[in-house]
C-alpha atoms as a PDB file:
ATOM      1  CA  MET A   1     -20.009  -2.792  45.312  1.00  0.00           C
ATOM      2  CA  LYS A   2     -18.216  -4.271  42.304  1.00  0.00           C
ATOM      3  CA  PRO A   3     -20.060  -4.870  39.010  1.00  0.00           C
ATOM      4  CA  ARG A   4     -20.600  -8.532  38.116  1.00  0.00           C
ATOM      5  CA  VAL A   5     -19.081 -10.194  35.072  1.00  0.00           C
ATOM      6  CA  PHE A   6     -19.752 -13.646  33.666  1.00  0.00           C
ATOM      7  CA  VAL A   7     -16.802 -15.216  31.826  1.00  0.00           C
ATOM      8  CA  THR A   8     -17.985 -17.986  29.519  1.00  0.00           C
ATOM      9  CA  ARG A   9     -14.751 -20.017  29.641  1.00  0.00           C
ATOM     10  CA  GLN A  10     -11.658 -20.419  31.780  1.00  0.00           C
ATOM     11  CA  LEU A  11      -9.125 -17.803  30.607  1.00  0.00           C
ATOM     12  CA  PRO A  12      -5.397 -17.482  31.301  1.00  0.00           C
ATOM     13  CA  GLN A  13      -4.911 -16.343  34.885  1.00  0.00           C
ATOM     14  CA  GLU A  14      -3.096 -13.112  34.058  1.00  0.00           C
ATOM     15  CA  GLY A  15      -6.329 -11.749  32.619  1.00  0.00           C
ATOM     16  CA  LEU A  16      -8.690 -13.065  35.281  1.00  0.00           C
ATOM     17  CA  LYS A  17      -6.503 -11.678  38.051  1.00  0.00           C
ATOM     18  CA  LEU A  18      -6.710  -8.175  36.566  1.00  0.00           C
ATOM     19  CA  ILE A  19     -10.461  -8.420  36.041  1.00  0.00           C
ATOM     20  CA  SER A  20     -11.069  -9.555  39.616  1.00  0.00           C
ATOM     21  CA  GLU A  21      -9.580  -6.322  40.953  1.00  0.00           C
ATOM     22  CA  TYR A  22     -12.539  -4.396  39.522  1.00  0.00           C
ATOM     23  CA  TYR A  23     -15.286  -6.983  39.083  1.00  0.00           C
ATOM     24  CA  GLU A  24     -17.037  -9.764  40.918  1.00  0.00           C
ATOM     25  CA  VAL A  25     -16.081 -12.599  38.574  1.00  0.00           C
ATOM     26  CA  GLU A  26     -17.944 -15.810  37.790  1.00  0.00           C
ATOM     27  CA  VAL A  27     -16.218 -18.200  35.391  1.00  0.00           C
ATOM     28  CA  TRP A  28     -17.850 -21.097  33.550  1.00  0.00           C
ATOM     29  CA  GLU A  29     -15.433 -23.854  34.558  1.00  0.00           C
ATOM     30  CA  ARG A  30     -16.393 -26.579  32.083  1.00  0.00           C
ATOM     31  CA  TYR A  31     -14.404 -27.137  28.897  1.00  0.00           C
ATOM     32  CA  THR A  32     -17.536 -26.998  26.755  1.00  0.00           C
ATOM     33  CA  PRO A  33     -19.451 -23.709  26.233  1.00  0.00           C
ATOM     34  CA  PRO A  34     -22.279 -22.845  28.621  1.00  0.00           C
ATOM     35  CA  PRO A  35     -25.583 -24.193  27.289  1.00  0.00           C
ATOM     36  CA  ARG A  36     -27.933 -21.620  25.805  1.00  0.00           C
ATOM     37  CA  GLU A  37     -30.346 -21.835  28.732  1.00  0.00           C
ATOM     38  CA  VAL A  38     -27.508 -21.176  31.185  1.00  0.00           C
ATOM     39  CA  LEU A  39     -26.309 -18.146  29.235  1.00  0.00           C
ATOM     40  CA  LEU A  40     -29.842 -16.768  29.023  1.00  0.00           C
ATOM     41  CA  LYS A  41     -30.186 -17.061  32.797  1.00  0.00           C
ATOM     42  CA  LYS A  42     -26.747 -15.650  33.646  1.00  0.00           C
ATOM     43  CA  ILE A  43     -27.159 -12.627  31.380  1.00  0.00           C
ATOM     44  CA  GLU A  44     -30.048 -11.426  33.541  1.00  0.00           C
ATOM     45  CA  GLU A  45     -27.744 -11.246  36.565  1.00  0.00           C
ATOM     46  CA  VAL A  46     -24.585  -9.544  35.287  1.00  0.00           C
ATOM     47  CA  ASP A  47     -23.304  -6.121  34.299  1.00  0.00           C
ATOM     48  CA  ALA A  48     -20.632  -7.408  31.917  1.00  0.00           C
ATOM     49  CA  LEU A  49     -20.008 -10.465  29.770  1.00  0.00           C
ATOM     50  CA  VAL A  50     -16.765 -11.972  28.503  1.00  0.00           C
ATOM     51  CA  SER A  51     -17.741 -13.922  25.384  1.00  0.00           C
ATOM     52  CA  LEU A  52     -16.112 -16.290  22.915  1.00  0.00           C
ATOM     53  CA  LEU A  53     -16.973 -16.942  19.280  1.00  0.00           C
ATOM     54  CA  THR A  54     -19.105 -19.906  20.329  1.00  0.00           C
ATOM     55  CA  ASP A  55     -21.385 -17.687  22.461  1.00  0.00           C
ATOM     56  CA  LYS A  56     -24.317 -16.292  20.485  1.00  0.00           C
ATOM     57  CA  VAL A  57     -24.998 -12.748  21.681  1.00  0.00           C
ATOM     58  CA  ASP A  58     -28.154 -12.059  19.710  1.00  0.00           C
ATOM     59  CA  ARG A  59     -31.371 -10.089  20.209  1.00  0.00           C
ATOM     60  CA  GLU A  60     -32.913 -12.753  22.425  1.00  0.00           C
ATOM     61  CA  LEU A  61     -29.950 -12.623  24.780  1.00  0.00           C
ATOM     62  CA  LEU A  62     -29.617  -8.841  24.734  1.00  0.00           C
ATOM     63  CA  ASP A  63     -33.326  -8.375  25.433  1.00  0.00           C
ATOM     64  CA  ARG A  64     -32.876 -10.313  28.674  1.00  0.00           C
ATOM     65  CA  ALA A  65     -29.743  -8.374  29.621  1.00  0.00           C
ATOM     66  CA  THR A  66     -31.371  -5.576  31.588  1.00  0.00           C
ATOM     67  CA  ARG A  67     -28.149  -4.830  33.521  1.00  0.00           C
ATOM     68  CA  LEU A  68     -25.608  -5.586  30.795  1.00  0.00           C
ATOM     69  CA  ARG A  69     -23.377  -2.665  29.792  1.00  0.00           C
ATOM     70  CA  ILE A  70     -20.402  -4.255  28.045  1.00  0.00           C
ATOM     71  CA  VAL A  71     -19.568  -7.426  26.085  1.00  0.00           C
ATOM     72  CA  ALA A  72     -15.810  -8.022  26.032  1.00  0.00           C
ATOM     73  CA  GLN A  73     -15.112 -10.497  23.237  1.00  0.00           C
ATOM     74  CA  TYR A  74     -12.117 -12.803  23.664  1.00  0.00           C
ATOM     75  CA  ALA A  75     -11.299 -12.780  19.929  1.00  0.00           C
ATOM     76  CA  VAL A  76     -10.616 -10.423  17.041  1.00  0.00           C
ATOM     77  CA  GLY A  77     -13.771 -11.404  15.159  1.00  0.00           C
ATOM     78  CA  TYR A  78     -17.214 -10.766  16.584  1.00  0.00           C
ATOM     79  CA  ASP A  79     -19.636 -12.240  14.058  1.00  0.00           C
ATOM     80  CA  ASN A  80     -21.325 -14.065  16.956  1.00  0.00           C
ATOM     81  CA  ILE A  81     -22.550 -10.718  18.317  1.00  0.00           C
ATOM     82  CA  ASP A  82     -25.413  -8.609  16.992  1.00  0.00           C
ATOM     83  CA  VAL A  83     -23.337  -5.440  17.260  1.00  0.00           C
ATOM     84  CA  GLU A  84     -25.953  -3.173  15.711  1.00  0.00           C
ATOM     85  CA  TYR A  85     -28.611  -4.218  18.213  1.00  0.00           C
ATOM     86  CA  ALA A  86     -26.148  -4.022  21.109  1.00  0.00           C
ATOM     87  CA  THR A  87     -25.337  -0.457  20.075  1.00  0.00           C
ATOM     88  CA  ARG A  88     -28.982   0.566  20.074  1.00  0.00           C
ATOM     89  CA  ARG A  89     -29.318  -0.856  23.574  1.00  0.00           C
ATOM     90  CA  GLY A  90     -26.281   1.105  24.746  1.00  0.00           C
ATOM     91  CA  VAL A  91     -24.126  -2.013  25.194  1.00  0.00           C
ATOM     92  CA  TYR A  92     -20.420  -1.602  24.487  1.00  0.00           C
ATOM     93  CA  VAL A  93     -18.679  -4.322  22.444  1.00  0.00           C
ATOM     94  CA  THR A  94     -14.903  -4.784  22.515  1.00  0.00           C
ATOM     95  CA  ASN A  95     -12.466  -7.249  20.958  1.00  0.00           C
ATOM     96  CA  THR A  96      -8.780  -8.224  21.075  1.00  0.00           C
ATOM     97  CA  PRO A  97      -7.145  -7.074  17.807  1.00  0.00           C
ATOM     98  CA  GLY A  98      -3.478  -7.002  16.888  1.00  0.00           C
ATOM     99  CA  VAL A  99      -2.112  -9.396  19.467  1.00  0.00           C
ATOM    100  CA  LEU A 100      -2.870 -12.584  17.535  1.00  0.00           C
ATOM    101  CA  THR A 101      -1.576 -11.353  14.170  1.00  0.00           C
ATOM    102  CA  ASP A 102       1.762 -13.159  14.210  1.00  0.00           C
ATOM    103  CA  ALA A 103       0.427 -16.364  15.759  1.00  0.00           C
ATOM    104  CA  THR A 104      -2.262 -16.666  13.092  1.00  0.00           C
ATOM    105  CA  ALA A 105       0.132 -15.771  10.273  1.00  0.00           C
ATOM    106  CA  ASP A 106       2.532 -18.432  11.542  1.00  0.00           C
ATOM    107  CA  LEU A 107      -0.223 -21.033  11.519  1.00  0.00           C
ATOM    108  CA  ALA A 108      -1.290 -20.052   8.001  1.00  0.00           C
ATOM    109  CA  TRP A 109       2.255 -20.761   6.905  1.00  0.00           C
ATOM    110  CA  ALA A 110       2.342 -24.032   8.860  1.00  0.00           C
ATOM    111  CA  LEU A 111      -0.800 -25.165   7.039  1.00  0.00           C
ATOM    112  CA  LEU A 112       0.527 -23.993   3.675  1.00  0.00           C
ATOM    113  CA  LEU A 113       3.795 -25.856   4.075  1.00  0.00           C
ATOM    114  CA  ALA A 114       2.163 -28.955   5.567  1.00  0.00           C
ATOM    115  CA  ALA A 115      -0.303 -29.172   2.690  1.00  0.00           C
ATOM    116  CA  ALA A 116       2.318 -28.442   0.028  1.00  0.00           C
ATOM    117  CA  ARG A 117       4.792 -31.031   1.320  1.00  0.00           C
ATOM    118  CA  ARG A 118       2.168 -33.553   2.492  1.00  0.00           C
ATOM    119  CA  VAL A 119       3.549 -33.512   6.033  1.00  0.00           C
ATOM    120  CA  VAL A 120       0.471 -35.013   7.711  1.00  0.00           C
ATOM    121  CA  GLU A 121       0.145 -37.746   5.085  1.00  0.00           C
ATOM    122  CA  ALA A 122       3.839 -38.525   5.412  1.00  0.00           C
ATOM    123  CA  ASP A 123       3.665 -38.662   9.203  1.00  0.00           C
ATOM    124  CA  LYS A 124       0.756 -41.121   8.999  1.00  0.00           C
ATOM    125  CA  PHE A 125       2.681 -43.114   6.348  1.00  0.00           C
ATOM    126  CA  VAL A 126       5.511 -43.642   8.824  1.00  0.00           C
ATOM    127  CA  ARG A 127       3.460 -44.124  12.011  1.00  0.00           C
ATOM    128  CA  GLU A 128       1.103 -46.705  10.503  1.00  0.00           C
ATOM    129  CA  GLY A 129       3.904 -48.825   9.071  1.00  0.00           C
ATOM    130  CA  GLU A 130       3.400 -48.164   5.378  1.00  0.00           C
ATOM    131  CA  TYR A 131       6.937 -46.801   5.097  1.00  0.00           C
ATOM    132  CA  TRP A 132       8.324 -50.057   6.481  1.00  0.00           C
ATOM    133  CA  ARG A 133       6.012 -52.193   4.348  1.00  0.00           C
ATOM    134  CA  THR A 134       7.281 -50.549   1.138  1.00  0.00           C
ATOM    135  CA  GLY A 135      10.637 -52.136   1.807  1.00  0.00           C
ATOM    136  CA  THR A 136      12.564 -49.092   0.606  1.00  0.00           C
ATOM    137  CA  GLY A 137      13.915 -46.111   2.492  1.00  0.00           C
ATOM    138  CA  TRP A 138      13.787 -43.715  -0.456  1.00  0.00           C
ATOM    139  CA  HIS A 139      12.040 -43.676  -3.813  1.00  0.00           C
ATOM    140  CA  PRO A 140      11.954 -40.986  -6.520  1.00  0.00           C
ATOM    141  CA  MET A 141       8.137 -41.018  -6.541  1.00  0.00           C
ATOM    142  CA  MET A 142       7.484 -41.249  -2.798  1.00  0.00           C
ATOM    143  CA  MET A 143       5.216 -38.548  -1.276  1.00  0.00           C
ATOM    144  CA  LEU A 144       5.703 -35.958  -3.996  1.00  0.00           C
ATOM    145  CA  GLY A 145       4.443 -32.517  -3.012  1.00  0.00           C
ATOM    146  CA  TYR A 146       4.708 -28.994  -4.383  1.00  0.00           C
ATOM    147  CA  HIS A 147       7.541 -26.491  -4.338  1.00  0.00           C
ATOM    148  CA  VAL A 148       6.882 -23.300  -2.341  1.00  0.00           C
ATOM    149  CA  THR A 149       9.868 -21.029  -2.945  1.00  0.00           C
ATOM    150  CA  GLY A 150       9.436 -18.761  -5.937  1.00  0.00           C
ATOM    151  CA  LYS A 151       5.754 -19.554  -6.460  1.00  0.00           C
ATOM    152  CA  THR A 152       2.802 -17.120  -6.519  1.00  0.00           C
ATOM    153  CA  LEU A 153       0.881 -16.482  -3.309  1.00  0.00           C
ATOM    154  CA  GLY A 154      -2.608 -14.961  -3.438  1.00  0.00           C
ATOM    155  CA  ILE A 155      -3.807 -13.252  -0.258  1.00  0.00           C
ATOM    156  CA  ILE A 156      -7.529 -12.569   0.147  1.00  0.00           C
ATOM    157  CA  GLY A 157      -7.777  -9.851   2.775  1.00  0.00           C
ATOM    158  CA  MET A 158      -4.736  -7.649   3.381  1.00  0.00           C
ATOM    159  CA  GLY A 159      -5.356  -6.529   6.943  1.00  0.00           C
ATOM    160  CA  ARG A 160      -2.909  -7.090   9.795  1.00  0.00           C
ATOM    161  CA  ILE A 161      -2.774 -10.865   9.368  1.00  0.00           C
ATOM    162  CA  GLY A 162      -2.689 -10.786   5.577  1.00  0.00           C
ATOM    163  CA  GLN A 163       0.205  -8.335   5.681  1.00  0.00           C
ATOM    164  CA  ALA A 164       2.048 -10.530   8.200  1.00  0.00           C
ATOM    165  CA  VAL A 165       1.613 -13.492   5.855  1.00  0.00           C
ATOM    166  CA  ALA A 166       2.968 -11.389   2.971  1.00  0.00           C
ATOM    167  CA  ARG A 167       6.062 -10.428   4.962  1.00  0.00           C
ATOM    168  CA  ARG A 168       6.788 -14.093   5.589  1.00  0.00           C
ATOM    169  CA  ALA A 169       6.275 -14.857   1.896  1.00  0.00           C
ATOM    170  CA  LYS A 170       9.103 -12.506   0.976  1.00  0.00           C
ATOM    171  CA  GLY A 171      11.466 -14.937   2.692  1.00  0.00           C
ATOM    172  CA  PHE A 172      10.307 -17.575   0.222  1.00  0.00           C
ATOM    173  CA  GLU A 173      10.906 -15.215  -2.730  1.00  0.00           C
ATOM    174  CA  MET A 174       7.269 -15.478  -3.736  1.00  0.00           C
ATOM    175  CA  LYS A 175       5.309 -13.280  -6.092  1.00  0.00           C
ATOM    176  CA  ILE A 176       2.482 -11.808  -4.003  1.00  0.00           C
ATOM    177  CA  LEU A 177      -0.980 -10.954  -5.290  1.00  0.00           C
ATOM    178  CA  TYR A 178      -3.729  -9.620  -3.057  1.00  0.00           C
ATOM    179  CA  TYR A 179      -7.401  -8.784  -3.184  1.00  0.00           C
ATOM    180  CA  GLN A 180      -9.702  -6.863  -0.867  1.00  0.00           C
ATOM    181  CA  ARG A 181     -12.360  -4.189  -1.243  1.00  0.00           C
ATOM    182  CA  HIS A 182      -9.931  -1.299  -0.837  1.00  0.00           C
ATOM    183  CA  ARG A 183      -6.453  -1.085  -2.278  1.00  0.00           C
ATOM    184  CA  LEU A 184      -3.506  -0.504   0.047  1.00  0.00           C
ATOM    185  CA  PRO A 185      -1.425   2.699  -0.180  1.00  0.00           C
ATOM    186  CA  GLU A 186       1.223   2.370  -2.883  1.00  0.00           C
ATOM    187  CA  GLU A 187       4.093   2.716  -0.399  1.00  0.00           C
ATOM    188  CA  LEU A 188       2.753  -0.244   1.611  1.00  0.00           C
ATOM    189  CA  GLU A 189       2.361  -2.288  -1.567  1.00  0.00           C
ATOM    190  CA  ARG A 190       6.017  -1.601  -2.373  1.00  0.00           C
ATOM    191  CA  GLU A 191       7.087  -2.530   1.146  1.00  0.00           C
ATOM    192  CA  LEU A 192       5.208  -5.832   0.975  1.00  0.00           C
ATOM    193  CA  GLY A 193       6.073  -6.502  -2.656  1.00  0.00           C
ATOM    194  CA  ALA A 194       2.375  -7.090  -3.300  1.00  0.00           C
ATOM    195  CA  LYS A 195       0.293  -6.441  -6.408  1.00  0.00           C
ATOM    196  CA  TYR A 196      -3.413  -5.582  -6.227  1.00  0.00           C
ATOM    197  CA  VAL A 197      -5.652  -7.660  -8.538  1.00  0.00           C
ATOM    198  CA  ASP A 198      -9.309  -8.626  -8.772  1.00  0.00           C
ATOM    199  CA  LEU A 199     -10.403 -11.857  -7.107  1.00  0.00           C
ATOM    200  CA  ASP A 200     -10.754 -13.880 -10.309  1.00  0.00           C
ATOM    201  CA  THR A 201      -7.228 -12.961 -11.417  1.00  0.00           C
ATOM    202  CA  LEU A 202      -5.839 -13.866  -7.999  1.00  0.00           C
ATOM    203  CA  LEU A 203      -7.514 -17.272  -8.085  1.00  0.00           C
ATOM    204  CA  ARG A 204      -6.398 -18.043 -11.658  1.00  0.00           C
ATOM    205  CA  GLU A 205      -2.761 -17.035 -11.200  1.00  0.00           C
ATOM    206  CA  SER A 206      -1.917 -18.132  -7.648  1.00  0.00           C
ATOM    207  CA  ASP A 207      -0.221 -21.363  -6.677  1.00  0.00           C
ATOM    208  CA  PHE A 208      -1.298 -20.831  -3.080  1.00  0.00           C
ATOM    209  CA  VAL A 209      -4.341 -18.894  -1.859  1.00  0.00           C
ATOM    210  CA  THR A 210      -4.728 -17.879   1.772  1.00  0.00           C
ATOM    211  CA  ILE A 211      -7.837 -16.245   3.258  1.00  0.00           C
ATOM    212  CA  HIS A 212      -7.788 -13.473   5.873  1.00  0.00           C
ATOM    213  CA  VAL A 213     -11.149 -11.680   5.740  1.00  0.00           C
ATOM    214  CA  PRO A 214     -13.812 -11.313   8.449  1.00  0.00           C
ATOM    215  CA  LEU A 215     -17.103 -13.142   8.057  1.00  0.00           C
ATOM    216  CA  THR A 216     -19.761 -10.725   6.843  1.00  0.00           C
ATOM    217  CA  LYS A 217     -22.782 -10.917   4.550  1.00  0.00           C
ATOM    218  CA  GLU A 218     -20.437  -9.985   1.690  1.00  0.00           C
ATOM    219  CA  THR A 219     -17.786 -12.613   2.471  1.00  0.00           C
ATOM    220  CA  TYR A 220     -20.121 -15.521   3.240  1.00  0.00           C
ATOM    221  CA  HIS A 221     -19.242 -18.280   0.729  1.00  0.00           C
ATOM    222  CA  MET A 222     -17.124 -15.838  -1.268  1.00  0.00           C
ATOM    223  CA  VAL A 223     -15.115 -18.880  -2.353  1.00  0.00           C
ATOM    224  CA  GLY A 224     -17.594 -21.301  -3.873  1.00  0.00           C
ATOM    225  CA  GLU A 225     -17.721 -23.633  -6.854  1.00  0.00           C
ATOM    226  CA  ARG A 226     -17.137 -20.944  -9.482  1.00  0.00           C
ATOM    227  CA  GLN A 227     -14.126 -19.556  -7.637  1.00  0.00           C
ATOM    228  CA  LEU A 228     -12.627 -22.981  -6.917  1.00  0.00           C
ATOM    229  CA  ARG A 229     -12.904 -23.969 -10.572  1.00  0.00           C
ATOM    230  CA  LEU A 230     -10.873 -20.876 -11.487  1.00  0.00           C
ATOM    231  CA  MET A 231      -7.911 -22.125  -9.442  1.00  0.00           C
ATOM    232  CA  LYS A 232      -5.067 -24.202 -10.824  1.00  0.00           C
ATOM    233  CA  PRO A 233      -5.364 -27.986 -10.359  1.00  0.00           C
ATOM    234  CA  THR A 234      -2.003 -27.746  -8.583  1.00  0.00           C
ATOM    235  CA  ALA A 235      -3.130 -24.908  -6.274  1.00  0.00           C
ATOM    236  CA  ILE A 236      -3.454 -25.117  -2.496  1.00  0.00           C
ATOM    237  CA  LEU A 237      -6.080 -23.229  -0.471  1.00  0.00           C
ATOM    238  CA  VAL A 238      -5.489 -22.146   3.149  1.00  0.00           C
ATOM    239  CA  ASN A 239      -8.140 -20.742   5.503  1.00  0.00           C
ATOM    240  CA  THR A 240      -7.441 -19.394   8.983  1.00  0.00           C
ATOM    241  CA  ALA A 241     -10.210 -16.755   8.874  1.00  0.00           C
ATOM    242  CA  ARG A 242     -13.764 -18.097   9.211  1.00  0.00           C
ATOM    243  CA  GLY A 243     -15.097 -21.390   7.900  1.00  0.00           C
ATOM    244  CA  ALA A 244     -18.159 -19.925   6.207  1.00  0.00           C
ATOM    245  CA  VAL A 245     -16.040 -17.794   3.871  1.00  0.00           C
ATOM    246  CA  ILE A 246     -15.688 -21.038   1.869  1.00  0.00           C
ATOM    247  CA  ASP A 247     -18.594 -23.138   0.623  1.00  0.00           C
ATOM    248  CA  THR A 248     -17.648 -26.415   2.307  1.00  0.00           C
ATOM    249  CA  ASP A 249     -19.642 -28.675  -0.012  1.00  0.00           C
ATOM    250  CA  ALA A 250     -17.953 -27.103  -3.034  1.00  0.00           C
ATOM    251  CA  LEU A 251     -14.529 -27.455  -1.392  1.00  0.00           C
ATOM    252  CA  VAL A 252     -15.068 -31.146  -0.686  1.00  0.00           C
ATOM    253  CA  ARG A 253     -15.928 -31.677  -4.358  1.00  0.00           C
ATOM    254  CA  ALA A 254     -12.898 -29.646  -5.422  1.00  0.00           C
ATOM    255  CA  LEU A 255     -10.572 -31.776  -3.300  1.00  0.00           C
ATOM    256  CA  LYS A 256     -12.175 -35.050  -4.367  1.00  0.00           C
ATOM    257  CA  GLU A 257     -12.360 -34.266  -8.079  1.00  0.00           C
ATOM    258  CA  GLY A 258      -8.990 -32.524  -8.413  1.00  0.00           C
ATOM    259  CA  TRP A 259     -10.109 -28.961  -9.153  1.00  0.00           C
ATOM    260  CA  ILE A 260      -7.375 -28.016  -6.661  1.00  0.00           C
ATOM    261  CA  ALA A 261      -4.527 -30.055  -5.215  1.00  0.00           C
ATOM    262  CA  ALA A 262      -4.953 -29.609  -1.472  1.00  0.00           C
ATOM    263  CA  ALA A 263      -6.144 -27.420   1.377  1.00  0.00           C
ATOM    264  CA  GLY A 264      -5.100 -26.427   4.885  1.00  0.00           C
ATOM    265  CA  LEU A 265      -8.006 -25.493   7.157  1.00  0.00           C
ATOM    266  CA  ASP A 266      -8.077 -24.172  10.717  1.00  0.00           C
ATOM    267  CA  VAL A 267     -11.723 -23.057  10.623  1.00  0.00           C
ATOM    268  CA  PHE A 268     -14.962 -24.691   9.528  1.00  0.00           C
ATOM    269  CA  GLU A 269     -18.580 -23.850   8.884  1.00  0.00           C
ATOM    270  CA  GLU A 270     -19.468 -26.306  11.638  1.00  0.00           C
ATOM    271  CA  GLU A 271     -17.313 -26.189  14.765  1.00  0.00           C
ATOM    272  CA  PRO A 272     -16.365 -28.533  16.262  1.00  0.00           C
ATOM    273  CA  LEU A 273     -16.047 -30.561  13.078  1.00  0.00           C
ATOM    274  CA  PRO A 274     -17.915 -33.852  13.637  1.00  0.00           C
ATOM    275  CA  PRO A 275     -16.213 -37.216  13.196  1.00  0.00           C
ATOM    276  CA  GLY A 276     -16.944 -38.693   9.821  1.00  0.00           C
ATOM    277  CA  HIS A 277     -17.307 -35.280   8.160  1.00  0.00           C
ATOM    278  CA  PRO A 278     -16.333 -35.543   4.455  1.00  0.00           C
ATOM    279  CA  LEU A 279     -13.286 -33.330   5.044  1.00  0.00           C
ATOM    280  CA  THR A 280     -11.890 -35.829   7.552  1.00  0.00           C
ATOM    281  CA  GLN A 281     -11.992 -38.578   4.921  1.00  0.00           C
ATOM    282  CA  LEU A 282      -9.682 -36.771   2.498  1.00  0.00           C
ATOM    283  CA  GLY A 283      -5.921 -37.245   2.477  1.00  0.00           C
ATOM    284  CA  ASN A 284      -5.204 -33.986   0.658  1.00  0.00           C
ATOM    285  CA  VAL A 285      -6.438 -31.653   3.394  1.00  0.00           C
ATOM    286  CA  VAL A 286      -4.695 -30.652   6.625  1.00  0.00           C
ATOM    287  CA  LEU A 287      -7.124 -29.945   9.479  1.00  0.00           C
ATOM    288  CA  THR A 288      -6.481 -28.115  12.748  1.00  0.00           C
ATOM    289  CA  PRO A 289      -9.081 -27.253  15.448  1.00  0.00           C
ATOM    290  CA  HIS A 290      -9.256 -23.418  15.251  1.00  0.00           C
ATOM    291  CA  ILE A 291      -5.833 -22.904  16.835  1.00  0.00           C
ATOM    292  CA  GLY A 292      -4.736 -19.769  14.961  1.00  0.00           C
ATOM    293  CA  SER A 293      -4.103 -17.846  18.179  1.00  0.00           C
ATOM    294  CA  ALA A 294      -3.170 -20.879  20.289  1.00  0.00           C
ATOM    295  CA  THR A 295       0.203 -19.939  21.691  1.00  0.00           C
ATOM    296  CA  HIS A 296       0.871 -19.380  25.389  1.00  0.00           C
ATOM    297  CA  GLU A 297       1.990 -15.824  24.690  1.00  0.00           C
ATOM    298  CA  THR A 298      -0.950 -14.860  22.483  1.00  0.00           C
ATOM    299  CA  ARG A 299      -3.752 -16.355  24.562  1.00  0.00           C
ATOM    300  CA  GLY A 300      -2.322 -14.741  27.694  1.00  0.00           C
ATOM    301  CA  LYS A 301      -2.102 -11.344  26.009  1.00  0.00           C
ATOM    302  CA  MET A 302      -5.662 -11.698  24.705  1.00  0.00           C
ATOM    303  CA  ALA A 303      -6.862 -12.209  28.283  1.00  0.00           C
ATOM    304  CA  GLU A 304      -4.976  -9.083  29.368  1.00  0.00           C
ATOM    305  CA  ILE A 305      -6.610  -7.045  26.582  1.00  0.00           C
ATOM    306  CA  VAL A 306     -10.056  -8.258  27.650  1.00  0.00           C
ATOM    307  CA  ALA A 307      -9.186  -7.107  31.155  1.00  0.00           C
ATOM    308  CA  GLN A 308      -7.972  -3.722  29.920  1.00  0.00           C
ATOM    309  CA  ASN A 309     -11.224  -3.172  28.029  1.00  0.00           C
ATOM    310  CA  LEU A 310     -13.317  -4.082  31.067  1.00  0.00           C
ATOM    311  CA  ILE A 311     -11.223  -2.006  33.466  1.00  0.00           C
ATOM    312  CA  ALA A 312     -11.315   1.087  31.271  1.00  0.00           C
ATOM    313  CA  PHE A 313     -15.092   0.843  31.017  1.00  0.00           C
ATOM    314  CA  CYS A 314     -15.402   0.371  34.779  1.00  0.00           C
ATOM    315  CA  LYS A 315     -13.397   3.579  35.279  1.00  0.00           C
ATOM    316  CA  GLY A 316     -15.780   5.474  33.004  1.00  0.00           C
ATOM    317  CA  GLU A 317     -13.282   5.545  30.143  1.00  0.00           C
ATOM    318  CA  VAL A 318     -13.802   4.512  26.519  1.00  0.00           C
ATOM    319  CA  PRO A 319     -12.375   0.972  26.171  1.00  0.00           C
ATOM    320  CA  PRO A 320      -9.215   0.904  24.018  1.00  0.00           C
ATOM    321  CA  ASN A 321     -10.647  -1.721  21.642  1.00  0.00           C
ATOM    322  CA  LEU A 322     -14.203  -0.512  21.242  1.00  0.00           C
ATOM    323  CA  VAL A 323     -15.870  -2.083  18.200  1.00  0.00           C
ATOM    324  CA  ASN A 324     -19.112  -0.086  18.119  1.00  0.00           C
ATOM    325  CA  LYS A 325     -17.988   3.506  18.548  1.00  0.00           C
ATOM    326  CA  GLU A 326     -21.534   4.660  17.711  1.00  0.00           C
ATOM    327  CA  VAL A 327     -22.563   3.425  21.169  1.00  0.00           C
ATOM    328  CA  LEU A 328     -21.075   6.622  22.594  1.00  0.00           C
ATOM    329  CA  ASN A 329     -24.096   8.412  21.135  1.00  0.00           C
ATOM    330  CA  TYR A 330     -26.412   6.211  23.184  1.00  0.00           C
ATOM    331  CA  SER A 331     -24.682   5.858  26.534  1.00  0.00           C
ATOM    332  CA  PRO A 332     -21.463   7.013  28.232  1.00  0.00           C
ATOM    333  CA  PRO A 333     -18.984   4.425  29.512  1.00  0.00           C
ATOM    334  CA  GLY A 334     -19.160   3.286  33.113  1.00  0.00           C
ATOM    335  CA  PHE A 335     -21.580   1.586  35.471  1.00  0.00           C
ATOM    336  CA  ARG A 336     -24.329   3.210  37.484  1.00  0.00           C
ATOM    337  CA  LEU A 337     -24.486   0.797  40.387  1.00  0.00           C
END
């Protein structure tokens, strides 16, 4: 008898096909997440769960999960999961690191460039007829943005994605500053051409600031009013990490009142972002719907990694991307069906 797994969203087929070789698979077919009451009911019936960031795997859910042995997260981050409590209950938690590094770094750069050169504003200017109504094809003061090449880039969080962003910045001949809790080895700093500074220095000196830290108690609202007021009025802020790393209310004020010039955001404190949200009313912010990993190649590979984690566990092996390694002290891998 195969163990049962509930997959909370339709995944790329390459992953589901692999999973189905070892598991009895049930997939939530709707585009929207399963309602809380559905998830609470399903968790009582399954041995494994494939979760997304929108699925809250908290104490209430885990207390109902009498059969659950593994939560395979379809994401790098896992702030939606109470990992500590899962560990104490002997539930393995896995994620999909590494594979989405380049896709997310590419999007960070797309947002940076779009915000700097006012690409979205300019596109709207043409599509809605304002370009035609001006009566001129070119004007010295039309849609002025900010130069990127040779400027200073500040990177908050120098993990895989932050380092990938830094490597791309070298092509733009940028000065690179970075901040995180622990300094990189000197040889890696030299390779990246990056200088370690404290957060206040990074914010004061950077022309562009891009965020690549996980959401934790320490990073919640780490960029708030005080930090935004330290930035240059010509600076641009990019966030492809987690929305709650930035205090949204403070950011809206910063964009409205000119503390900073612009922002490019792929993540938000409230997702999906509702229509009429103050951010949607501002012309100096580029907004995308959490698409950092949204390439065919990346999303397919993420599904394969989820499958590899589930298959390894089913075979009684430690999953390759185990988040809570302490769980090994509570329970060995594998099902006892």
